[in-house]
Amino acid sequence: MKAIKINGIIKFQSSFRTFINPYTGKTILGFKSATDKQLYDWGFRDVIVPSTTTYQRLGSIYYEEYIVDASGNTTGNYFTYPVIDFTQEEIDAYDQNVLDNDIHSQKIDKLENDGDRFFRRIKAIIERNVSTSAITQTQGFGFRKNLAPVIRPLREGDWDIVKENLDNMGTPGDPEVASILSGITGMIDTYIIDNNI
């Protein structure tokens, strides 16, 4: 990777569609296939990207001046980045972000998102059965009233708690409501088995 500084602005070679030689003002033909020597002659220099540790980041790119010491040794004459150590606050934020996005956090997010969707799906099942007259409005209200606290933990992703709540709920005396509850319980059981809960 190479870059050039023109009018105080550092630009990467890849950012040019065409290139105007800053010394002559002429457009360079065949710029994309130029040799390293040609690029150097036009003012491009290598970009050296230092490695960083987990708790470091790169600062803004700058030009490392070309220096010849008294012994004739040379340094610089390239673009690079300063390596900046994280502050303790940045280290803590980074570590927390890693924990917030690990496999356990992702699993919790999935359980909560799926649980919220299932909670709404169950309410829609009851509403659909009322709308199609499979159960009466009164049956639907009573069913929702009894079922809501039982399934509410779905919204927190607590599928196992909902399973236990359903197992302890008992069978409704109304056969139509019992049939709907059986279908809901089956959906919960299937999800728990499929997701190893």
Protein backbone atom coordinates (compact mmCIF):
# COMPACT_ATOMS: atom_id res chain seq x y z
CA MET A 1 0.00 0.00 0.00
CA LYS A 2 1.27 3.46 -0.90
CA ALA A 3 0.21 7.03 -0.18
CA ILE A 4 1.17 10.57 -1.06
CA LYS A 5 0.84 13.92 0.67
CA ILE A 6 -0.56 16.65 -1.57
CA ASN A 7 -1.34 20.12 -0.18
CA GLY A 8 -1.13 18.76 3.36
CA ILE A 9 -3.62 15.94 2.71
CA ILE A 10 -2.53 12.29 2.74
CA LYS A 11 -4.18 10.23 0.02
CA PHE A 12 -3.86 6.51 -0.67
CA GLN A 13 -2.82 5.37 -4.13
CA SER A 14 -6.04 3.36 -4.41
CA SER A 15 -8.13 6.54 -4.06
CA PHE A 16 -6.94 7.93 -7.42
CA ARG A 17 -8.82 7.15 -10.62
CA THR A 18 -6.33 9.29 -12.50
CA PHE A 19 -3.21 10.96 -11.18
CA ILE A 20 -1.84 14.41 -11.87
CA ASN A 21 1.86 14.69 -11.17
CA PRO A 22 2.15 17.31 -8.41
CA TYR A 23 5.53 18.45 -9.76
CA THR A 24 4.58 18.89 -13.42
CA GLY A 25 0.80 19.28 -13.28
CA LYS A 26 0.40 16.68 -16.05
CA THR A 27 -1.97 13.72 -15.99
CA ILE A 28 -0.07 10.44 -15.76
CA LEU A 29 -1.19 7.87 -18.32
CA GLY A 30 -1.03 4.22 -17.23
CA PHE A 31 -0.97 5.25 -13.57
CA LYS A 32 -2.61 2.03 -12.36
CA SER A 33 0.18 -0.08 -13.86
CA ALA A 34 3.04 2.16 -12.67
CA THR A 35 6.13 0.57 -11.16
CA ASP A 36 7.23 1.15 -7.58
CA LYS A 37 10.08 3.34 -8.87
CA GLN A 38 7.68 5.50 -10.90
CA LEU A 39 5.38 5.87 -7.91
CA TYR A 40 8.34 6.83 -5.73
CA ASP A 41 9.50 9.41 -8.28
CA TRP A 42 5.99 10.95 -8.26
CA GLY A 43 6.07 11.25 -4.46
CA PHE A 44 4.33 8.08 -3.28
CA ARG A 45 5.75 6.35 -0.23
CA ASP A 46 5.02 3.02 1.44
CA VAL A 47 2.40 2.85 4.16
CA ILE A 48 3.56 0.83 7.14
CA VAL A 49 0.73 -0.35 9.36
CA PRO A 50 2.02 -1.25 12.83
CA SER A 51 0.54 -4.21 14.63
CA THR A 52 -1.60 -3.60 17.70
CA THR A 53 -2.53 -5.61 20.75
CA THR A 54 -6.08 -6.14 21.99
CA TYR A 55 -5.95 -2.95 24.02
CA GLN A 56 -4.46 -0.65 21.39
CA ARG A 57 -5.72 1.22 18.34
CA LEU A 58 -4.18 3.13 15.47
CA GLY A 59 -4.22 6.90 15.43
CA SER A 60 -4.28 9.11 12.34
CA ILE A 61 -1.87 8.40 9.52
CA TYR A 62 1.20 10.65 9.29
CA TYR A 63 4.42 10.93 7.32
CA GLU A 64 7.57 9.76 9.09
CA GLU A 65 10.25 12.20 7.91
CA TYR A 66 13.32 10.94 6.11
CA ILE A 67 16.35 11.28 8.37
CA VAL A 68 20.02 10.57 7.76
CA ASP A 69 22.06 10.42 10.96
CA ALA A 70 25.77 11.29 11.36
CA SER A 71 26.76 7.70 10.52
CA GLY A 72 24.82 7.78 7.27
CA ASN A 73 22.00 5.53 8.54
CA THR A 74 18.57 6.43 7.24
CA THR A 75 15.17 6.17 8.85
CA GLY A 76 11.70 7.32 7.95
CA ASN A 77 10.44 8.29 4.50
CA TYR A 78 7.16 6.40 4.82
CA PHE A 79 3.63 6.84 6.07
CA THR A 80 2.55 5.14 9.27
CA TYR A 81 0.18 5.35 12.21
CA PRO A 82 0.85 5.97 15.89
CA VAL A 83 -0.13 3.12 18.18
CA ILE A 84 -2.33 4.40 21.01
CA ASP A 85 -2.83 2.42 24.20
CA PHE A 86 -6.41 2.17 25.47
CA THR A 87 -7.25 4.10 28.60
CA GLN A 88 -8.59 2.05 31.51
CA GLU A 89 -12.08 3.26 30.58
CA GLU A 90 -11.62 2.01 27.00
CA ILE A 91 -10.28 -1.34 28.27
CA ASP A 92 -13.31 -1.76 30.52
CA ALA A 93 -15.70 -0.82 27.67
CA TYR A 94 -13.95 -3.22 25.28
CA ASP A 95 -14.09 -6.09 27.79
CA GLN A 96 -17.76 -5.43 28.49
CA ASN A 97 -18.52 -5.36 24.75
CA VAL A 98 -16.83 -8.75 24.36
CA LEU A 99 -18.95 -10.18 27.17
CA ASP A 100 -22.12 -8.57 25.76
CA ASN A 101 -21.52 -10.27 22.42
CA ASP A 102 -20.25 -13.69 23.46
CA ILE A 103 -22.11 -16.89 22.63
CA HIS A 104 -24.02 -16.83 25.94
CA SER A 105 -25.31 -13.31 25.37
CA GLN A 106 -26.28 -14.20 21.81
CA LYS A 107 -28.23 -17.21 23.10
CA ILE A 108 -30.09 -15.02 25.61
CA ASP A 109 -30.90 -12.52 22.86
CA LYS A 110 -32.28 -15.32 20.68
CA LEU A 111 -34.39 -16.77 23.51
CA GLU A 112 -35.81 -13.33 24.34
CA ASN A 113 -36.55 -12.41 20.71
CA ASP A 114 -38.14 -15.78 19.98
CA GLY A 115 -40.05 -15.64 23.28
CA ASP A 116 -41.49 -12.23 22.51
CA ARG A 117 -42.56 -13.44 19.06
CA PHE A 118 -44.16 -16.59 20.54
CA PHE A 119 -45.94 -14.53 23.21
CA ARG A 120 -47.58 -12.43 20.50
CA ARG A 121 -48.27 -15.53 18.42
CA ILE A 122 -50.11 -17.17 21.32
CA LYS A 123 -52.26 -14.08 21.84
CA ALA A 124 -53.05 -14.11 18.11
CA ILE A 125 -54.03 -17.79 18.29
CA ILE A 126 -56.56 -17.00 20.99
CA GLU A 127 -57.87 -13.95 19.11
CA ARG A 128 -58.15 -15.99 15.90
CA ASN A 129 -60.19 -18.65 17.71
CA VAL A 130 -62.53 -15.97 19.07
CA SER A 131 -62.85 -14.34 15.60
CA THR A 132 -63.70 -17.66 13.94
CA SER A 133 -66.17 -18.51 16.74
CA ALA A 134 -64.19 -21.60 17.79
CA ILE A 135 -64.50 -20.15 21.29
CA THR A 136 -66.71 -17.36 22.61
CA GLN A 137 -65.54 -13.89 23.56
CA THR A 138 -66.04 -14.80 27.22
CA GLN A 139 -64.01 -18.00 26.84
CA GLY A 140 -61.26 -16.07 25.05
CA PHE A 141 -61.13 -13.41 27.76
CA GLY A 142 -61.00 -15.97 30.55
CA PHE A 143 -58.33 -17.98 28.72
CA ARG A 144 -56.16 -14.89 28.14
CA LYS A 145 -56.61 -13.81 31.76
CA ASN A 146 -55.46 -17.18 33.08
CA LEU A 147 -52.77 -17.76 30.47
CA ALA A 148 -51.11 -14.30 30.43
CA PRO A 149 -49.17 -14.64 33.72
CA VAL A 150 -48.22 -18.21 32.78
CA ILE A 151 -46.62 -17.29 29.44
CA ARG A 152 -45.35 -13.76 30.29
CA PRO A 153 -41.82 -15.09 31.11
CA LEU A 154 -41.48 -15.87 27.39
CA ARG A 155 -40.81 -12.16 26.89
CA GLU A 156 -37.71 -12.53 29.10
CA GLY A 157 -36.60 -15.66 27.24
CA ASP A 158 -37.46 -17.91 30.20
CA TRP A 159 -38.89 -20.81 28.23
CA ASP A 160 -38.22 -23.34 30.98
CA ILE A 161 -40.26 -21.29 33.47
CA VAL A 162 -43.15 -21.13 30.99
CA LYS A 163 -42.92 -24.91 30.50
CA GLU A 164 -43.16 -25.45 34.25
CA ASN A 165 -46.03 -22.93 34.51
CA LEU A 166 -47.95 -24.73 31.76
CA ASP A 167 -47.34 -28.14 33.37
CA ASN A 168 -48.71 -26.80 36.67
CA MET A 169 -51.67 -25.02 35.08
CA GLY A 170 -53.91 -28.04 34.78
CA THR A 171 -56.36 -28.83 31.97
CA PRO A 172 -59.19 -26.33 31.41
CA GLY A 173 -62.69 -27.78 31.81
CA ASP A 174 -63.77 -26.38 28.44
CA PRO A 175 -62.73 -28.84 25.70
CA GLU A 176 -62.24 -26.12 23.05
CA VAL A 177 -59.94 -24.10 25.33
CA ALA A 178 -58.17 -27.30 26.42
CA SER A 179 -57.48 -28.11 22.77
CA ILE A 180 -55.99 -24.66 22.13
CA LEU A 181 -53.87 -24.93 25.29
CA SER A 182 -52.63 -28.35 24.19
CA GLY A 183 -51.48 -26.85 20.87
CA ILE A 184 -49.71 -23.99 22.66
CA THR A 185 -48.02 -26.40 25.07
CA GLY A 186 -46.87 -28.48 22.11
CA MET A 187 -45.32 -25.40 20.47
CA ILE A 188 -43.43 -24.57 23.68
CA ASP A 189 -42.27 -28.18 24.14
CA THR A 190 -41.02 -28.37 20.55
CA TYR A 191 -39.07 -25.12 20.90
CA ILE A 192 -37.47 -26.30 24.16
CA ILE A 193 -36.41 -29.61 22.60
CA ASP A 194 -35.13 -27.99 19.39
CA ASN A 195 -33.07 -25.45 21.31
CA ASN A 196 -31.73 -27.74 24.05
CA ILE A 197 -33.22 -25.72 26.88
